[in-house]
Amino acid sequence: MRRLSFTLILLASTVVSAATVYKWVDENGVTHYSDQPHTGAMKLHVEGAQTYTAQSPPPDSTSSQTRGQQQPAQPSAVCAIDSPNDDEMLMNEHSVSGHARFDPTPGAADQIILFLDGKTLSGAAVDSSGGFTIPQIDRGTHTLSLQVVSRGGQVLCQSPSITFHVHQPSSQAPNPANRPRF
């Protein structure tokens, strides 16, 4: 085992330098490797290690504008979920109330769609102040996001997803004394 380890280390060090290695077997049957020639040694040529050189990324087209030419500013809509907070634990909740923030405020023709665990949430509407309620939430971990969509179907903004956790007592514990207290 010691010979094998030495051999691998020796080969690894020679691979890096892409050198010539000499191999021979002594009178006791032990195989030797060396970078120095030895009588009766077989000459091995070890190729250099395979390397990778990263290419520089292509230049950013927005930063390489010529003088006097500017692209028109794109209106940026911002929407976010302010509550529940990301990674918040909600204890003994059977419905979840929350609040969303919009800039600019969506128009009357725009539609606000809530997504719970990646699926469109029916039965929950966002009011004009940004408040919403998710009725009948199951216990467990959930993700929530929203989109503002124009009448023509164009997504005006999408909020980042937040994750929240609902912790409820087990319905398997029939005796209230055996249910966990939170």
C-alpha atoms as a PDB file:
ATOM      1  CA  MET A   1       0.000   0.000   0.000  1.00  0.00           C
ATOM      2  CA  ARG A   2       2.874   2.347   0.849  1.00  0.00           C
ATOM      3  CA  ARG A   3       4.490   1.657  -2.513  1.00  0.00           C
ATOM      4  CA  LEU A   4       1.240   2.402  -4.321  1.00  0.00           C
ATOM      5  CA  SER A   5       0.828   5.721  -2.482  1.00  0.00           C
ATOM      6  CA  PHE A   6       4.414   6.705  -3.246  1.00  0.00           C
ATOM      7  CA  THR A   7       3.962   5.754  -6.880  1.00  0.00           C
ATOM      8  CA  LEU A   8       0.784   7.808  -7.219  1.00  0.00           C
ATOM      9  CA  ILE A   9       2.361  10.829  -5.561  1.00  0.00           C
ATOM     10  CA  LEU A  10       5.413  10.524  -7.756  1.00  0.00           C
ATOM     11  CA  LEU A  11       3.293  10.213 -10.895  1.00  0.00           C
ATOM     12  CA  ALA A  12       1.129  13.154  -9.874  1.00  0.00           C
ATOM     13  CA  SER A  13       4.169  15.353  -9.349  1.00  0.00           C
ATOM     14  CA  THR A  14       5.631  14.361 -12.700  1.00  0.00           C
ATOM     15  CA  VAL A  15       2.331  14.891 -14.511  1.00  0.00           C
ATOM     16  CA  VAL A  16       2.339  18.514 -13.485  1.00  0.00           C
ATOM     17  CA  SER A  17       5.818  19.037 -14.905  1.00  0.00           C
ATOM     18  CA  ALA A  18       5.270  16.880 -18.040  1.00  0.00           C
ATOM     19  CA  ALA A  19       8.589  15.088 -17.581  1.00  0.00           C
ATOM     20  CA  THR A  20      10.192  11.820 -18.624  1.00  0.00           C
ATOM     21  CA  VAL A  21       9.877   9.059 -16.032  1.00  0.00           C
ATOM     22  CA  TYR A  22      12.019   5.938 -15.758  1.00  0.00           C
ATOM     23  CA  LYS A  23      10.555   2.640 -14.563  1.00  0.00           C
ATOM     24  CA  TRP A  24      12.481  -0.456 -13.469  1.00  0.00           C
ATOM     25  CA  VAL A  25      12.069  -3.523 -11.291  1.00  0.00           C
ATOM     26  CA  ASP A  26      14.825  -4.329  -8.785  1.00  0.00           C
ATOM     27  CA  GLU A  27      16.170  -7.773  -7.801  1.00  0.00           C
ATOM     28  CA  ASN A  28      13.473  -8.104  -5.075  1.00  0.00           C
ATOM     29  CA  GLY A  29      10.631  -7.573  -7.578  1.00  0.00           C
ATOM     30  CA  VAL A  30       9.847  -4.027  -6.412  1.00  0.00           C
ATOM     31  CA  THR A  31       8.837  -1.584  -9.153  1.00  0.00           C
ATOM     32  CA  HIS A  32      10.541   1.802  -8.998  1.00  0.00           C
ATOM     33  CA  TYR A  33       9.813   5.094 -10.724  1.00  0.00           C
ATOM     34  CA  SER A  34      12.276   7.953 -10.994  1.00  0.00           C
ATOM     35  CA  ASP A  35      13.039  11.056 -12.983  1.00  0.00           C
ATOM     36  CA  GLN A  36      16.697   9.958 -13.059  1.00  0.00           C
ATOM     37  CA  PRO A  37      17.863   7.279 -15.534  1.00  0.00           C
ATOM     38  CA  HIS A  38      18.758   3.850 -14.098  1.00  0.00           C
ATOM     39  CA  THR A  39      20.382   0.837 -15.758  1.00  0.00           C
ATOM     40  CA  GLY A  40      17.735  -1.422 -17.238  1.00  0.00           C
ATOM     41  CA  ALA A  41      15.009   1.216 -16.791  1.00  0.00           C
ATOM     42  CA  MET A  42      12.237   1.688 -19.324  1.00  0.00           C
ATOM     43  CA  LYS A  43      11.718   5.294 -20.405  1.00  0.00           C
ATOM     44  CA  LEU A  44       8.134   6.576 -19.999  1.00  0.00           C
ATOM     45  CA  HIS A  45       6.975   9.944 -21.244  1.00  0.00           C
ATOM     46  CA  VAL A  46       4.191  11.478 -19.150  1.00  0.00           C
ATOM     47  CA  GLU A  47       2.078  14.153 -20.827  1.00  0.00           C
ATOM     48  CA  GLY A  48       1.368  17.435 -19.084  1.00  0.00           C
ATOM     49  CA  ALA A  49      -1.766  17.907 -17.045  1.00  0.00           C
ATOM     50  CA  GLN A  50      -4.888  18.935 -18.860  1.00  0.00           C
ATOM     51  CA  THR A  51      -5.640  22.571 -18.120  1.00  0.00           C
ATOM     52  CA  TYR A  52      -8.503  24.948 -18.753  1.00  0.00           C
ATOM     53  CA  THR A  53      -8.216  28.649 -19.359  1.00  0.00           C
ATOM     54  CA  ALA A  54     -11.405  30.618 -18.864  1.00  0.00           C
ATOM     55  CA  GLN A  55     -12.277  33.085 -21.552  1.00  0.00           C
ATOM     56  CA  SER A  56     -13.255  36.587 -20.571  1.00  0.00           C
ATOM     57  CA  PRO A  57     -17.005  37.223 -20.748  1.00  0.00           C
ATOM     58  CA  PRO A  58     -18.332  39.117 -23.742  1.00  0.00           C
ATOM     59  CA  PRO A  59     -18.522  42.878 -23.225  1.00  0.00           C
ATOM     60  CA  ASP A  60     -21.788  44.161 -21.790  1.00  0.00           C
ATOM     61  CA  SER A  61     -23.729  45.736 -24.640  1.00  0.00           C
ATOM     62  CA  THR A  62     -25.427  48.244 -22.346  1.00  0.00           C
ATOM     63  CA  SER A  63     -22.142  49.581 -20.974  1.00  0.00           C
ATOM     64  CA  SER A  64     -20.434  49.842 -24.357  1.00  0.00           C
ATOM     65  CA  GLN A  65     -22.699  52.532 -25.728  1.00  0.00           C
ATOM     66  CA  THR A  66     -21.048  55.195 -27.812  1.00  0.00           C
ATOM     67  CA  ARG A  67     -21.163  58.819 -26.683  1.00  0.00           C
ATOM     68  CA  GLY A  68     -24.376  60.614 -27.391  1.00  0.00           C
ATOM     69  CA  GLN A  69     -26.355  57.404 -27.832  1.00  0.00           C
ATOM     70  CA  GLN A  70     -28.468  56.395 -24.888  1.00  0.00           C
ATOM     71  CA  GLN A  71     -31.154  53.800 -24.777  1.00  0.00           C
ATOM     72  CA  PRO A  72     -34.535  54.994 -23.567  1.00  0.00           C
ATOM     73  CA  ALA A  73     -35.181  54.174 -19.935  1.00  0.00           C
ATOM     74  CA  GLN A  74     -37.509  51.243 -19.425  1.00  0.00           C
ATOM     75  CA  PRO A  75     -40.225  51.852 -16.855  1.00  0.00           C
ATOM     76  CA  SER A  76     -39.546  49.513 -13.980  1.00  0.00           C
ATOM     77  CA  ALA A  77     -42.467  48.251 -11.978  1.00  0.00           C
ATOM     78  CA  VAL A  78     -41.774  46.916  -8.532  1.00  0.00           C
ATOM     79  CA  CYS A  79     -43.938  44.478  -6.669  1.00  0.00           C
ATOM     80  CA  ALA A  80     -43.083  42.615  -3.496  1.00  0.00           C
ATOM     81  CA  ILE A  81     -44.727  40.741  -0.663  1.00  0.00           C
ATOM     82  CA  ASP A  82     -44.187  42.597   2.622  1.00  0.00           C
ATOM     83  CA  SER A  83     -45.965  40.085   4.849  1.00  0.00           C
ATOM     84  CA  PRO A  84     -45.774  37.315   5.734  1.00  0.00           C
ATOM     85  CA  ASN A  85     -42.009  37.733   6.006  1.00  0.00           C
ATOM     86  CA  ASP A  86     -39.631  35.363   4.253  1.00  0.00           C
ATOM     87  CA  ASP A  87     -39.010  32.232   6.361  1.00  0.00           C
ATOM     88  CA  GLU A  88     -41.616  33.301   8.937  1.00  0.00           C
ATOM     89  CA  MET A  89     -43.194  30.675  11.200  1.00  0.00           C
ATOM     90  CA  LEU A  90     -46.948  31.095  11.662  1.00  0.00           C
ATOM     91  CA  MET A  91     -48.288  29.249  14.700  1.00  0.00           C
ATOM     92  CA  ASN A  92     -51.816  27.811  14.862  1.00  0.00           C
ATOM     93  CA  GLU A  93     -53.005  29.700  11.788  1.00  0.00           C
ATOM     94  CA  HIS A  94     -55.747  28.347   9.547  1.00  0.00           C
ATOM     95  CA  SER A  95     -55.737  31.364   7.212  1.00  0.00           C
ATOM     96  CA  VAL A  96     -52.916  33.743   6.361  1.00  0.00           C
ATOM     97  CA  SER A  97     -53.265  37.503   5.962  1.00  0.00           C
ATOM     98  CA  GLY A  98     -50.611  39.428   4.143  1.00  0.00           C
ATOM     99  CA  HIS A  99     -49.685  42.633   2.392  1.00  0.00           C
ATOM    100  CA  ALA A 100     -48.139  43.380  -1.009  1.00  0.00           C
ATOM    101  CA  ARG A 101     -46.360  46.537  -2.159  1.00  0.00           C
ATOM    102  CA  PHE A 102     -46.565  47.962  -5.683  1.00  0.00           C
ATOM    103  CA  ASP A 103     -44.768  50.813  -7.429  1.00  0.00           C
ATOM    104  CA  PRO A 104     -46.513  52.094  -9.462  1.00  0.00           C
ATOM    105  CA  THR A 105     -49.957  51.085  -8.244  1.00  0.00           C
ATOM    106  CA  PRO A 106     -51.609  48.674 -10.700  1.00  0.00           C
ATOM    107  CA  GLY A 107     -54.359  50.146 -12.845  1.00  0.00           C
ATOM    108  CA  ALA A 108     -57.994  49.125 -12.616  1.00  0.00           C
ATOM    109  CA  ALA A 109     -57.622  46.949 -15.732  1.00  0.00           C
ATOM    110  CA  ASP A 110     -54.550  45.150 -14.363  1.00  0.00           C
ATOM    111  CA  GLN A 111     -54.944  41.799 -12.670  1.00  0.00           C
ATOM    112  CA  ILE A 112     -53.006  40.745  -9.548  1.00  0.00           C
ATOM    113  CA  ILE A 113     -52.427  36.993  -9.376  1.00  0.00           C
ATOM    114  CA  LEU A 114     -51.212  35.221  -6.230  1.00  0.00           C
ATOM    115  CA  PHE A 115     -49.262  31.969  -6.537  1.00  0.00           C
ATOM    116  CA  LEU A 116     -49.160  29.547  -3.603  1.00  0.00           C
ATOM    117  CA  ASP A 117     -46.673  26.696  -4.003  1.00  0.00           C
ATOM    118  CA  GLY A 118     -46.372  27.485  -7.729  1.00  0.00           C
ATOM    119  CA  LYS A 119     -50.124  27.257  -8.432  1.00  0.00           C
ATOM    120  CA  THR A 120     -52.554  30.090  -9.055  1.00  0.00           C
ATOM    121  CA  LEU A 121     -54.406  30.804  -5.832  1.00  0.00           C
ATOM    122  CA  SER A 122     -58.140  31.054  -6.434  1.00  0.00           C
ATOM    123  CA  GLY A 123     -60.321  32.502  -3.698  1.00  0.00           C
ATOM    124  CA  ALA A 124     -57.758  35.105  -2.623  1.00  0.00           C
ATOM    125  CA  ALA A 125     -57.863  38.617  -4.010  1.00  0.00           C
ATOM    126  CA  VAL A 126     -55.514  41.522  -3.398  1.00  0.00           C
ATOM    127  CA  ASP A 127     -57.393  44.704  -2.443  1.00  0.00           C
ATOM    128  CA  SER A 128     -56.471  48.221  -3.568  1.00  0.00           C
ATOM    129  CA  SER A 129     -54.249  48.789  -0.519  1.00  0.00           C
ATOM    130  CA  GLY A 130     -52.293  45.570  -1.166  1.00  0.00           C
ATOM    131  CA  GLY A 131     -53.908  43.444   1.534  1.00  0.00           C
ATOM    132  CA  PHE A 132     -54.857  39.827   0.931  1.00  0.00           C
ATOM    133  CA  THR A 133     -56.026  36.746   2.853  1.00  0.00           C
ATOM    134  CA  ILE A 134     -55.308  33.124   2.002  1.00  0.00           C
ATOM    135  CA  PRO A 135     -58.185  31.055   3.380  1.00  0.00           C
ATOM    136  CA  GLN A 136     -57.772  27.469   4.585  1.00  0.00           C
ATOM    137  CA  ILE A 137     -54.013  27.085   4.632  1.00  0.00           C
ATOM    138  CA  ASP A 138     -52.601  23.644   5.384  1.00  0.00           C
ATOM    139  CA  ARG A 139     -49.756  23.176   7.795  1.00  0.00           C
ATOM    140  CA  GLY A 140     -46.292  22.856   6.306  1.00  0.00           C
ATOM    141  CA  THR A 141     -43.894  24.975   4.285  1.00  0.00           C
ATOM    142  CA  HIS A 142     -45.305  27.134   1.502  1.00  0.00           C
ATOM    143  CA  THR A 143     -43.973  29.524  -1.147  1.00  0.00           C
ATOM    144  CA  LEU A 144     -45.869  32.637  -2.152  1.00  0.00           C
ATOM    145  CA  SER A 145     -45.377  35.043  -5.051  1.00  0.00           C
ATOM    146  CA  LEU A 146     -47.498  37.380  -7.123  1.00  0.00           C
ATOM    147  CA  GLN A 147     -47.704  38.846 -10.602  1.00  0.00           C
ATOM    148  CA  VAL A 148     -49.303  41.957 -12.003  1.00  0.00           C
ATOM    149  CA  VAL A 149     -50.679  41.234 -15.474  1.00  0.00           C
ATOM    150  CA  SER A 150     -52.071  43.815 -17.918  1.00  0.00           C
ATOM    151  CA  ARG A 151     -55.379  43.400 -19.697  1.00  0.00           C
ATOM    152  CA  GLY A 152     -53.427  42.270 -22.764  1.00  0.00           C
ATOM    153  CA  GLY A 153     -51.744  39.456 -20.814  1.00  0.00           C
ATOM    154  CA  GLN A 154     -48.332  41.103 -20.448  1.00  0.00           C
ATOM    155  CA  VAL A 155     -46.597  40.507 -17.094  1.00  0.00           C
ATOM    156  CA  LEU A 156     -45.899  43.986 -15.703  1.00  0.00           C
ATOM    157  CA  CYS A 157     -44.026  42.776 -12.625  1.00  0.00           C
ATOM    158  CA  GLN A 158     -43.337  39.613 -10.664  1.00  0.00           C
ATOM    159  CA  SER A 159     -42.455  39.507  -6.989  1.00  0.00           C
ATOM    160  CA  PRO A 160     -39.677  37.356  -5.625  1.00  0.00           C
ATOM    161  CA  SER A 161     -40.972  34.208  -3.936  1.00  0.00           C
ATOM    162  CA  ILE A 162     -41.122  34.118  -0.171  1.00  0.00           C
ATOM    163  CA  THR A 163     -41.283  31.011   1.974  1.00  0.00           C
ATOM    164  CA  PHE A 164     -43.338  30.737   5.139  1.00  0.00           C
ATOM    165  CA  HIS A 165     -44.147  27.889   7.499  1.00  0.00           C
ATOM    166  CA  VAL A 166     -47.501  27.080   9.088  1.00  0.00           C
ATOM    167  CA  HIS A 167     -47.294  25.087  12.314  1.00  0.00           C
ATOM    168  CA  GLN A 168     -50.567  23.626  13.580  1.00  0.00           C
ATOM    169  CA  PRO A 169     -51.277  21.007  16.212  1.00  0.00           C
ATOM    170  CA  SER A 170     -51.735  17.513  14.912  1.00  0.00           C
ATOM    171  CA  SER A 171     -55.279  16.373  14.300  1.00  0.00           C
ATOM    172  CA  GLN A 172     -54.007  12.883  15.197  1.00  0.00           C
ATOM    173  CA  ALA A 173     -53.833  13.867  18.879  1.00  0.00           C
ATOM    174  CA  PRO A 174     -57.499  13.579  19.962  1.00  0.00           C
ATOM    175  CA  ASN A 175     -56.890  14.591  23.571  1.00  0.00           C
ATOM    176  CA  PRO A 176     -56.129  18.340  23.874  1.00  0.00           C
ATOM    177  CA  ALA A 177     -53.800  17.550  26.767  1.00  0.00           C
ATOM    178  CA  ASN A 178     -51.604  15.513  24.374  1.00  0.00           C
ATOM    179  CA  ARG A 179     -51.409  18.209  21.705  1.00  0.00           C
ATOM    180  CA  PRO A 180     -48.243  20.251  21.589  1.00  0.00           C
ATOM    181  CA  ARG A 181     -48.456  23.746  23.045  1.00  0.00           C
ATOM    182  CA  PHE A 182     -46.927  26.533  21.056  1.00  0.00           C
END
